[in-house]
Each structure stands twice: as C-alpha cells, then as structure tokens.
C-alpha cells in the first residue's frame, strides 16, 4: 500500500511541473468560450455523467435484489 502511494507521488512529482509549464493558449477553448458554445459542451458532459450515474445506481439496485434472492433461499 505504501509503495503504491509513494510511486503515485513520485509520478505526480515528475509530471505535474511538465503539465504546468505547458500553459499555452488553447484556440478551440477560446473559440467555444467566445461563441458561447462552452455551455453546450458542459451541458452534454453533465447529461452523459448523470446518465451513467443513474445507470450505475439502477444496476446496483438490481444486483442487490438478485443477491438477496440467491442468499435468502
């Protein structure tokens, strides 16, 4: 467990400065923000996220119900 945490921290220590150094302007993001389409992108991402969340919760309930049926026989 400790080895995994240390290796994760070492990886972050190597890659975070590299990512922070790359602060170039992203043309596509600026275009979306300028045209107001960023809200559409955010809305679509949120819709997909909530659909996946709903599906996961629904599947969990179904699996729990099936487990109860199997174990309570």
N, C-alpha and C. Protein backbone atom coordinates (compact mmCIF):
# COMPACT_ATOMS: atom_id res chain seq x y z
N UNK A 1 0.82 -1.19 0.00
CA UNK A 1 0.00 0.00 0.00
C UNK A 1 0.86 1.26 0.00
N UNK A 2 1.86 1.27 0.87
CA UNK A 2 2.74 2.44 0.96
C UNK A 2 3.55 2.60 -0.32
N UNK A 3 3.95 1.48 -0.92
CA UNK A 3 4.72 1.55 -2.16
C UNK A 3 3.88 2.17 -3.28
N UNK A 4 2.57 1.84 -3.31
CA UNK A 4 1.69 2.41 -4.33
C UNK A 4 1.55 3.91 -4.15
N UNK A 5 1.39 4.34 -2.91
CA UNK A 5 1.25 5.76 -2.63
C UNK A 5 2.53 6.50 -3.00
N UNK A 6 3.67 5.94 -2.63
CA UNK A 6 4.94 6.60 -2.94
C UNK A 6 5.19 6.65 -4.45
N UNK A 7 4.83 5.58 -5.15
CA UNK A 7 5.03 5.60 -6.59
C UNK A 7 4.09 6.60 -7.26
N UNK A 8 2.88 6.73 -6.73
CA UNK A 8 1.96 7.73 -7.27
C UNK A 8 2.49 9.14 -7.03
N UNK A 9 2.99 9.39 -5.85
CA UNK A 9 3.54 10.72 -5.55
C UNK A 9 4.77 11.01 -6.41
N UNK A 10 5.59 10.00 -6.64
CA UNK A 10 6.77 10.19 -7.49
C UNK A 10 6.34 10.51 -8.92
N UNK A 11 5.32 9.84 -9.39
CA UNK A 11 4.81 10.11 -10.74
C UNK A 11 4.28 11.52 -10.84
N UNK A 12 3.51 11.94 -9.84
CA UNK A 12 2.99 13.31 -9.84
C UNK A 12 4.13 14.32 -9.76
N UNK A 13 5.16 14.02 -8.98
CA UNK A 13 6.28 14.92 -8.83
C UNK A 13 7.00 15.13 -10.16
N UNK A 14 6.97 14.12 -11.02
CA UNK A 14 7.64 14.22 -12.30
C UNK A 14 6.76 14.93 -13.33
N UNK A 15 5.46 14.59 -13.37
CA UNK A 15 4.61 15.07 -14.45
C UNK A 15 3.89 16.39 -14.20
N UNK A 16 3.63 16.74 -12.96
CA UNK A 16 2.91 17.99 -12.69
C UNK A 16 3.69 19.22 -13.15
N UNK A 17 4.98 19.33 -12.86
CA UNK A 17 5.70 20.50 -13.37
C UNK A 17 5.69 20.58 -14.90
N UNK A 18 5.73 19.43 -15.55
CA UNK A 18 5.68 19.42 -17.01
C UNK A 18 4.34 19.95 -17.50
N UNK A 19 3.27 19.52 -16.86
CA UNK A 19 1.94 19.98 -17.26
C UNK A 19 1.74 21.46 -16.96
N UNK A 20 2.28 21.92 -15.85
CA UNK A 20 2.14 23.33 -15.50
C UNK A 20 2.95 24.23 -16.42
N UNK A 21 4.02 23.72 -16.96
CA UNK A 21 4.86 24.52 -17.86
C UNK A 21 4.19 24.72 -19.21
N UNK A 22 3.23 23.88 -19.55
CA UNK A 22 2.55 23.97 -20.85
C UNK A 22 1.30 24.82 -20.73
N UNK A 23 1.45 26.09 -20.49
CA UNK A 23 0.31 26.98 -20.35
C UNK A 23 0.11 27.80 -21.61
N UNK A 24 0.04 27.12 -22.72
CA UNK A 24 -0.23 27.80 -23.97
C UNK A 24 -1.73 28.05 -24.10
N UNK A 25 -2.08 29.02 -24.90
CA UNK A 25 -3.49 29.29 -25.14
C UNK A 25 -4.06 28.20 -26.03
N UNK A 26 -5.22 27.70 -25.67
CA UNK A 26 -5.88 26.67 -26.44
C UNK A 26 -6.92 27.35 -27.31
N UNK A 27 -6.71 27.30 -28.62
CA UNK A 27 -7.56 28.03 -29.54
C UNK A 27 -9.00 27.52 -29.53
N UNK A 28 -9.17 26.21 -29.47
CA UNK A 28 -10.51 25.64 -29.52
C UNK A 28 -11.32 26.10 -28.31
N UNK A 29 -10.71 26.09 -27.12
CA UNK A 29 -11.42 26.51 -25.92
C UNK A 29 -11.79 27.98 -25.99
N UNK A 30 -10.87 28.80 -26.49
CA UNK A 30 -11.17 30.23 -26.63
C UNK A 30 -12.31 30.46 -27.61
N UNK A 31 -12.33 29.68 -28.67
CA UNK A 31 -13.39 29.81 -29.67
C UNK A 31 -14.74 29.42 -29.06
N UNK A 32 -14.76 28.30 -28.32
CA UNK A 32 -16.01 27.87 -27.70
C UNK A 32 -16.50 28.89 -26.68
N UNK A 33 -15.59 29.44 -25.90
CA UNK A 33 -15.97 30.44 -24.91
C UNK A 33 -16.47 31.70 -25.59
N UNK A 34 -15.78 32.12 -26.63
CA UNK A 34 -16.17 33.33 -27.34
C UNK A 34 -17.52 33.22 -28.01
N UNK A 35 -17.85 32.06 -28.53
CA UNK A 35 -19.13 31.88 -29.21
C UNK A 35 -20.23 31.40 -28.28
N UNK A 36 -19.92 31.15 -27.02
CA UNK A 36 -20.92 30.71 -26.05
C UNK A 36 -21.26 29.24 -26.17
N UNK A 37 -20.50 28.49 -26.93
CA UNK A 37 -20.78 27.06 -27.10
C UNK A 37 -20.23 26.21 -25.96
N UNK A 38 -19.44 26.82 -25.10
CA UNK A 38 -18.87 26.07 -23.98
C UNK A 38 -19.98 25.56 -23.07
N UNK A 39 -21.08 26.31 -22.99
CA UNK A 39 -22.19 25.88 -22.15
C UNK A 39 -22.87 24.64 -22.73
N UNK A 40 -22.91 24.54 -24.04
CA UNK A 40 -23.46 23.35 -24.67
C UNK A 40 -22.57 22.14 -24.38
N UNK A 41 -21.27 22.33 -24.47
CA UNK A 41 -20.33 21.25 -24.19
C UNK A 41 -20.46 20.80 -22.74
N UNK A 42 -20.53 21.74 -21.82
CA UNK A 42 -20.68 21.40 -20.41
C UNK A 42 -21.99 20.68 -20.16
N UNK A 43 -23.07 21.15 -20.80
CA UNK A 43 -24.38 20.51 -20.63
C UNK A 43 -24.36 19.07 -21.12
N UNK A 44 -23.74 18.83 -22.28
CA UNK A 44 -23.67 17.47 -22.82
C UNK A 44 -22.86 16.57 -21.90
N UNK A 45 -21.74 17.07 -21.40
CA UNK A 45 -20.91 16.27 -20.49
C UNK A 45 -21.68 15.95 -19.21
N UNK A 46 -22.40 16.93 -18.67
CA UNK A 46 -23.18 16.68 -17.46
C UNK A 46 -24.31 15.69 -17.70
N UNK A 47 -24.97 15.79 -18.85
CA UNK A 47 -26.04 14.84 -19.18
C UNK A 47 -25.47 13.42 -19.25
N UNK A 48 -24.35 13.26 -19.92
CA UNK A 48 -23.73 11.94 -20.03
C UNK A 48 -23.33 11.43 -18.65
N UNK A 49 -22.77 12.30 -17.83
CA UNK A 49 -22.37 11.91 -16.48
C UNK A 49 -23.57 11.43 -15.67
N UNK A 50 -24.68 12.18 -15.71
CA UNK A 50 -25.86 11.79 -14.93
C UNK A 50 -26.51 10.53 -15.47
N UNK A 51 -26.46 10.31 -16.78
CA UNK A 51 -26.99 9.07 -17.34
C UNK A 51 -26.17 7.88 -16.83
N UNK A 52 -24.85 8.01 -16.85
CA UNK A 52 -24.00 6.92 -16.35
C UNK A 52 -24.23 6.71 -14.86
N UNK A 53 -24.36 7.78 -14.10
CA UNK A 53 -24.63 7.67 -12.66
C UNK A 53 -25.97 6.97 -12.41
N UNK A 54 -27.01 7.36 -13.13
CA UNK A 54 -28.33 6.75 -12.99
C UNK A 54 -28.26 5.26 -13.33
N UNK A 55 -27.59 4.93 -14.43
CA UNK A 55 -27.46 3.54 -14.86
C UNK A 55 -26.72 2.71 -13.80
N UNK A 56 -25.66 3.27 -13.24
CA UNK A 56 -24.89 2.56 -12.23
C UNK A 56 -25.72 2.30 -10.97
N UNK A 57 -26.45 3.30 -10.52
CA UNK A 57 -27.29 3.13 -9.34
C UNK A 57 -28.38 2.10 -9.61
N UNK A 58 -28.98 2.15 -10.79
CA UNK A 58 -30.03 1.19 -11.15
C UNK A 58 -29.48 -0.24 -11.18
N UNK A 59 -28.30 -0.41 -11.78
CA UNK A 59 -27.70 -1.73 -11.83
C UNK A 59 -27.35 -2.24 -10.43
N UNK A 60 -26.89 -1.35 -9.58
CA UNK A 60 -26.56 -1.74 -8.21
C UNK A 60 -27.80 -2.24 -7.48
N UNK A 61 -28.92 -1.56 -7.66
CA UNK A 61 -30.17 -2.00 -7.03
C UNK A 61 -30.60 -3.36 -7.56
N UNK A 62 -30.48 -3.55 -8.87
CA UNK A 62 -30.87 -4.84 -9.45
C UNK A 62 -29.97 -5.96 -8.95
N UNK A 63 -28.68 -5.71 -8.90
CA UNK A 63 -27.74 -6.73 -8.42
C UNK A 63 -28.01 -7.03 -6.94
N UNK A 64 -28.26 -6.01 -6.14
CA UNK A 64 -28.56 -6.23 -4.73
C UNK A 64 -29.82 -7.06 -4.57
N UNK A 65 -30.84 -6.78 -5.37
CA UNK A 65 -32.07 -7.55 -5.32
C UNK A 65 -31.82 -9.01 -5.70
N UNK A 66 -31.02 -9.22 -6.73
CA UNK A 66 -30.71 -10.58 -7.16
C UNK A 66 -29.89 -11.32 -6.10
N UNK A 67 -28.95 -10.61 -5.44
CA UNK A 67 -28.17 -11.23 -4.38
C UNK A 67 -29.06 -11.64 -3.22
N UNK A 68 -30.03 -10.79 -2.87
CA UNK A 68 -30.95 -11.14 -1.80
C UNK A 68 -31.75 -12.39 -2.15
N UNK A 69 -32.18 -12.49 -3.40
CA UNK A 69 -32.94 -13.66 -3.82
C UNK A 69 -32.09 -14.94 -3.73
N UNK A 70 -30.84 -14.85 -4.11
CA UNK A 70 -29.96 -16.02 -4.11
C UNK A 70 -29.62 -16.43 -2.68
N UNK A 71 -29.27 -15.48 -1.83
CA UNK A 71 -28.81 -15.80 -0.49
C UNK A 71 -29.94 -16.10 0.49
N UNK A 72 -31.16 -15.68 0.18
CA UNK A 72 -32.28 -15.89 1.10
C UNK A 72 -33.14 -17.09 0.72
N UNK A 73 -32.63 -17.97 -0.08
CA UNK A 73 -33.40 -19.15 -0.45
C UNK A 73 -33.38 -20.16 0.63
